[in-house]
């Protein structure tokens, strides 16, 4: 999906696009879509409670929350690529 809508990506890279329009496309199924239902459960169980112990994290390109969620979803999908 990352290689689609090249014209919009090019306009965003040049700064000519303020907001990328959301386009929904029909599909039959989403692989590992059920894993997304676990997000509220993971948050309720304290997935992001590291903030109370480590309030100040170094800033980076990706937020630390996003890294934690990505690794969690990779584990739940049993993705062996690290």
C-alpha atoms as a PDB file:
ATOM      1  CA  UNK A   1       0.000   0.000   0.000  1.00  0.00           C
ATOM      2  CA  UNK A   2       2.936   2.326   0.514  1.00  0.00           C
ATOM      3  CA  UNK A   3       3.589   2.642  -3.222  1.00  0.00           C
ATOM      4  CA  UNK A   4       0.053   3.712  -4.091  1.00  0.00           C
ATOM      5  CA  UNK A   5      -1.101   7.305  -4.619  1.00  0.00           C
ATOM      6  CA  UNK A   6       2.355   8.417  -5.721  1.00  0.00           C
ATOM      7  CA  UNK A   7       1.057  11.787  -6.875  1.00  0.00           C
ATOM      8  CA  UNK A   8      -0.228  12.604  -3.374  1.00  0.00           C
ATOM      9  CA  UNK A   9       3.024  11.448  -1.782  1.00  0.00           C
ATOM     10  CA  UNK A  10       5.037  13.617  -4.159  1.00  0.00           C
ATOM     11  CA  UNK A  11       2.851  16.645  -3.404  1.00  0.00           C
ATOM     12  CA  UNK A  12       3.263  16.059   0.344  1.00  0.00           C
ATOM     13  CA  UNK A  13       7.041  15.793  -0.036  1.00  0.00           C
ATOM     14  CA  UNK A  14       7.122  19.118  -1.886  1.00  0.00           C
ATOM     15  CA  UNK A  15       4.937  20.751   0.774  1.00  0.00           C
ATOM     16  CA  UNK A  16       2.077  21.315  -1.643  1.00  0.00           C
ATOM     17  CA  UNK A  17      -0.394  19.099   0.255  1.00  0.00           C
ATOM     18  CA  UNK A  18      -1.855  20.242   3.544  1.00  0.00           C
ATOM     19  CA  UNK A  19      -3.848  17.130   4.424  1.00  0.00           C
ATOM     20  CA  UNK A  20      -3.712  13.700   2.861  1.00  0.00           C
ATOM     21  CA  UNK A  21      -7.281  12.649   2.060  1.00  0.00           C
ATOM     22  CA  UNK A  22      -8.471   9.410   3.641  1.00  0.00           C
ATOM     23  CA  UNK A  23      -9.555   6.956   0.980  1.00  0.00           C
ATOM     24  CA  UNK A  24     -11.307   3.743   2.014  1.00  0.00           C
ATOM     25  CA  UNK A  25     -11.110   0.823  -0.357  1.00  0.00           C
ATOM     26  CA  UNK A  26     -13.197  -2.323  -0.342  1.00  0.00           C
ATOM     27  CA  UNK A  27     -11.440  -5.555   0.563  1.00  0.00           C
ATOM     28  CA  UNK A  28     -12.446  -9.061   1.514  1.00  0.00           C
ATOM     29  CA  UNK A  29     -10.325  -9.420   4.623  1.00  0.00           C
ATOM     30  CA  UNK A  30      -7.432  -7.886   6.505  1.00  0.00           C
ATOM     31  CA  UNK A  31      -4.626 -10.286   7.426  1.00  0.00           C
ATOM     32  CA  UNK A  32      -4.226 -10.421  11.225  1.00  0.00           C
ATOM     33  CA  UNK A  33      -7.051  -7.891  11.569  1.00  0.00           C
ATOM     34  CA  UNK A  34      -8.177  -9.514  14.815  1.00  0.00           C
ATOM     35  CA  UNK A  35      -4.962  -8.408  16.479  1.00  0.00           C
ATOM     36  CA  UNK A  36      -6.251  -4.820  16.317  1.00  0.00           C
ATOM     37  CA  UNK A  37      -9.043  -5.805  18.714  1.00  0.00           C
ATOM     38  CA  UNK A  38      -6.364  -6.457  21.333  1.00  0.00           C
ATOM     39  CA  UNK A  39      -5.245  -2.816  21.455  1.00  0.00           C
ATOM     40  CA  UNK A  40      -7.806  -1.702  24.090  1.00  0.00           C
ATOM     41  CA  UNK A  41      -6.983  -4.774  26.169  1.00  0.00           C
ATOM     42  CA  UNK A  42      -3.247  -4.108  25.998  1.00  0.00           C
ATOM     43  CA  UNK A  43      -3.739  -0.490  27.017  1.00  0.00           C
ATOM     44  CA  UNK A  44      -6.049  -1.493  29.883  1.00  0.00           C
ATOM     45  CA  UNK A  45      -3.426  -3.949  31.110  1.00  0.00           C
ATOM     46  CA  UNK A  46      -0.837  -1.183  31.287  1.00  0.00           C
ATOM     47  CA  UNK A  47       1.186  -1.533  28.110  1.00  0.00           C
ATOM     48  CA  UNK A  48       2.228   2.115  28.205  1.00  0.00           C
ATOM     49  CA  UNK A  49       2.721   2.450  31.973  1.00  0.00           C
ATOM     50  CA  UNK A  50       6.456   2.806  31.482  1.00  0.00           C
ATOM     51  CA  UNK A  51       5.781   6.559  31.508  1.00  0.00           C
ATOM     52  CA  UNK A  52       5.394   6.529  35.287  1.00  0.00           C
ATOM     53  CA  UNK A  53       8.840   4.960  35.687  1.00  0.00           C
ATOM     54  CA  UNK A  54      10.615   6.682  32.809  1.00  0.00           C
ATOM     55  CA  UNK A  55       8.901  10.060  32.372  1.00  0.00           C
ATOM     56  CA  UNK A  56      11.573  11.607  30.155  1.00  0.00           C
ATOM     57  CA  UNK A  57      12.646   9.693  27.090  1.00  0.00           C
ATOM     58  CA  UNK A  58      15.023  10.854  24.397  1.00  0.00           C
ATOM     59  CA  UNK A  59      13.215  12.219  21.383  1.00  0.00           C
ATOM     60  CA  UNK A  60      13.620  10.423  18.103  1.00  0.00           C
ATOM     61  CA  UNK A  61      12.033  10.123  14.698  1.00  0.00           C
ATOM     62  CA  UNK A  62       9.479   7.668  16.069  1.00  0.00           C
ATOM     63  CA  UNK A  63       7.879   8.096  19.473  1.00  0.00           C
ATOM     64  CA  UNK A  64       8.661   5.467  22.074  1.00  0.00           C
ATOM     65  CA  UNK A  65       4.941   4.665  22.364  1.00  0.00           C
ATOM     66  CA  UNK A  66       4.894   3.790  18.666  1.00  0.00           C
ATOM     67  CA  UNK A  67       7.934   1.540  19.077  1.00  0.00           C
ATOM     68  CA  UNK A  68       6.297  -0.296  21.997  1.00  0.00           C
ATOM     69  CA  UNK A  69       3.050  -0.767  20.058  1.00  0.00           C
ATOM     70  CA  UNK A  70       4.894  -1.945  16.946  1.00  0.00           C
ATOM     71  CA  UNK A  71       6.899  -4.551  18.843  1.00  0.00           C
ATOM     72  CA  UNK A  72       3.746  -5.685  20.654  1.00  0.00           C
ATOM     73  CA  UNK A  73       1.831  -6.145  17.413  1.00  0.00           C
ATOM     74  CA  UNK A  74       4.799  -7.926  15.820  1.00  0.00           C
ATOM     75  CA  UNK A  75       4.805 -10.342  18.742  1.00  0.00           C
ATOM     76  CA  UNK A  76       1.048 -10.906  18.556  1.00  0.00           C
ATOM     77  CA  UNK A  77       1.238 -11.534  14.801  1.00  0.00           C
ATOM     78  CA  UNK A  78       4.189 -13.854  15.412  1.00  0.00           C
ATOM     79  CA  UNK A  79       6.319 -11.838  13.010  1.00  0.00           C
ATOM     80  CA  UNK A  80       9.868 -13.118  13.183  1.00  0.00           C
ATOM     81  CA  UNK A  81      11.448 -10.081  11.473  1.00  0.00           C
ATOM     82  CA  UNK A  82      13.021  -7.769  14.024  1.00  0.00           C
END
